[in-house]
């Protein structure tokens, strides 16, 4: 929702020649990265040690969790950037979440995915 609220300001500054789109996207990514790392660390510590995984795999688990978080945040920002309204973006994001959950291998196993949809299994950011 915040991406949609900030869009008119971004359009005004971009059209005035203050900065190109890629600079804006990169600065948004870098400015939100510390908070996302903190969130992933908190959730990662809780989930990892409550489940009881081997402690030697913790850095790999945390890195995978961070990359998945960054991938989904980027996808949601892309959905928001290409939607006209907040409600439209939320609808598309919910559809993407449902689609991702169905074809990531948790709800529908890889063997039961139809051949013409198996490519979806390999491109989704969820772990397999």
Protein backbone atom coordinates (compact mmCIF):
# COMPACT_ATOMS: atom_id res chain seq x y z
CA UNK A 1 0.00 0.00 0.00
CA UNK A 2 2.88 2.38 0.74
CA UNK A 3 4.29 1.89 -2.76
CA UNK A 4 0.99 3.03 -4.24
CA UNK A 5 0.73 6.03 -1.90
CA UNK A 6 4.24 7.21 -2.84
CA UNK A 7 3.67 6.75 -6.58
CA UNK A 8 2.43 10.30 -7.41
CA UNK A 9 5.49 11.80 -5.72
CA UNK A 10 7.76 9.41 -7.61
CA UNK A 11 6.12 10.26 -10.95
CA UNK A 12 6.50 13.99 -10.30
CA UNK A 13 10.18 13.70 -9.38
CA UNK A 14 10.95 11.28 -12.21
CA UNK A 15 9.23 13.44 -14.82
CA UNK A 16 11.11 16.50 -13.55
CA UNK A 17 14.38 14.66 -14.17
CA UNK A 18 15.51 14.33 -10.56
CA UNK A 19 16.46 10.66 -10.91
CA UNK A 20 15.80 7.62 -13.12
CA UNK A 21 13.53 4.77 -12.08
CA UNK A 22 16.34 2.31 -11.37
CA UNK A 23 17.92 4.69 -8.84
CA UNK A 24 14.60 4.99 -7.02
CA UNK A 25 14.12 1.20 -6.98
CA UNK A 26 17.68 0.60 -5.78
CA UNK A 27 17.41 3.21 -3.01
CA UNK A 28 14.09 1.71 -1.85
CA UNK A 29 15.68 -1.73 -1.75
CA UNK A 30 18.76 -0.56 0.18
CA UNK A 31 16.77 1.54 2.65
CA UNK A 32 14.42 -1.34 3.50
CA UNK A 33 17.15 -4.00 3.68
CA UNK A 34 18.16 -3.48 7.36
CA UNK A 35 14.58 -3.87 8.58
CA UNK A 36 14.06 -6.95 6.44
CA UNK A 37 17.27 -8.50 7.75
CA UNK A 38 16.13 -7.80 11.32
CA UNK A 39 12.71 -9.34 10.67
CA UNK A 40 14.25 -12.43 9.07
CA UNK A 41 16.71 -12.83 11.96
CA UNK A 42 13.95 -12.66 14.57
CA UNK A 43 11.66 -15.07 12.75
CA UNK A 44 14.61 -17.26 11.77
CA UNK A 45 15.87 -17.61 15.34
CA UNK A 46 12.42 -18.47 16.64
CA UNK A 47 11.57 -20.93 13.87
CA UNK A 48 14.99 -22.58 13.66
CA UNK A 49 15.47 -23.31 17.33
CA UNK A 50 11.84 -24.25 18.01
CA UNK A 51 11.93 -26.82 15.21
CA UNK A 52 15.25 -28.22 16.40
CA UNK A 53 17.33 -28.29 13.20
CA UNK A 54 21.05 -29.04 13.34
CA UNK A 55 22.83 -25.92 14.51
CA UNK A 56 25.47 -26.16 11.79
CA UNK A 57 22.81 -25.38 9.15
CA UNK A 58 21.64 -22.14 10.76
CA UNK A 59 23.55 -19.72 8.46
CA UNK A 60 22.23 -21.52 5.38
CA UNK A 61 18.70 -21.46 6.78
CA UNK A 62 18.93 -17.75 7.55
CA UNK A 63 20.34 -16.94 4.11
CA UNK A 64 17.61 -18.94 2.36
CA UNK A 65 14.95 -17.24 4.47
CA UNK A 66 16.40 -13.80 3.67
CA UNK A 67 16.53 -14.49 -0.07
CA UNK A 68 12.94 -15.76 -0.08
CA UNK A 69 11.84 -12.65 1.84
CA UNK A 70 13.64 -10.34 -0.59
CA UNK A 71 12.20 -12.17 -3.59
CA UNK A 72 8.63 -11.87 -2.34
CA UNK A 73 9.04 -8.22 -1.33
CA UNK A 74 10.35 -7.46 -4.82
CA UNK A 75 7.48 -9.32 -6.45
CA UNK A 76 4.93 -7.46 -4.33
CA UNK A 77 6.54 -4.13 -5.19
CA UNK A 78 6.37 -5.03 -8.88
CA UNK A 79 2.69 -5.92 -8.50
CA UNK A 80 2.05 -2.61 -6.72
CA UNK A 81 3.96 -0.67 -9.38
CA UNK A 82 1.87 -2.20 -12.16
CA UNK A 83 -1.53 -1.83 -10.45
CA UNK A 84 -3.76 1.20 -10.67
CA UNK A 85 -5.18 0.94 -7.14
CA UNK A 86 -4.33 -0.54 -3.77
CA UNK A 87 -7.28 -2.92 -3.88
CA UNK A 88 -6.22 -4.18 -7.30
CA UNK A 89 -2.67 -4.72 -6.09
CA UNK A 90 -3.88 -6.57 -3.01
CA UNK A 91 -6.07 -8.83 -5.13
CA UNK A 92 -3.18 -9.67 -7.45
CA UNK A 93 -0.83 -10.24 -4.50
CA UNK A 94 -3.29 -12.63 -2.84
CA UNK A 95 -3.68 -14.46 -6.14
CA UNK A 96 0.10 -14.73 -6.45
CA UNK A 97 0.41 -16.07 -2.89
CA UNK A 98 -2.25 -18.72 -3.53
CA UNK A 99 -0.65 -19.63 -6.86
CA UNK A 100 2.81 -19.87 -5.26
CA UNK A 101 1.59 -22.02 -2.40
CA UNK A 102 -0.24 -24.41 -4.70
CA UNK A 103 2.61 -25.00 -7.12
CA UNK A 104 5.64 -24.84 -4.80
CA UNK A 105 5.46 -28.52 -3.92
CA UNK A 106 3.80 -28.29 -0.50
CA UNK A 107 0.12 -28.49 -1.44
CA UNK A 108 0.48 -30.08 -4.87
CA UNK A 109 3.47 -32.40 -5.18
CA UNK A 110 5.75 -32.10 -8.19
CA UNK A 111 4.56 -35.45 -9.56
CA UNK A 112 0.90 -34.41 -9.58
CA UNK A 113 1.44 -31.05 -11.32
CA UNK A 114 0.28 -31.26 -14.95
CA UNK A 115 3.12 -31.29 -17.49
CA UNK A 116 2.16 -27.91 -18.91
CA UNK A 117 2.44 -26.31 -15.41
CA UNK A 118 5.64 -28.00 -14.19
CA UNK A 119 7.73 -24.96 -15.19
CA UNK A 120 5.92 -23.00 -12.45
CA UNK A 121 7.36 -25.36 -9.85
CA UNK A 122 10.90 -24.35 -10.84
CA UNK A 123 10.46 -20.56 -11.00
CA UNK A 124 8.66 -19.95 -7.70
CA UNK A 125 10.77 -18.47 -4.89
CA UNK A 126 9.50 -20.96 -2.30
CA UNK A 127 11.99 -23.66 -1.28
CA UNK A 128 11.49 -27.15 -2.64
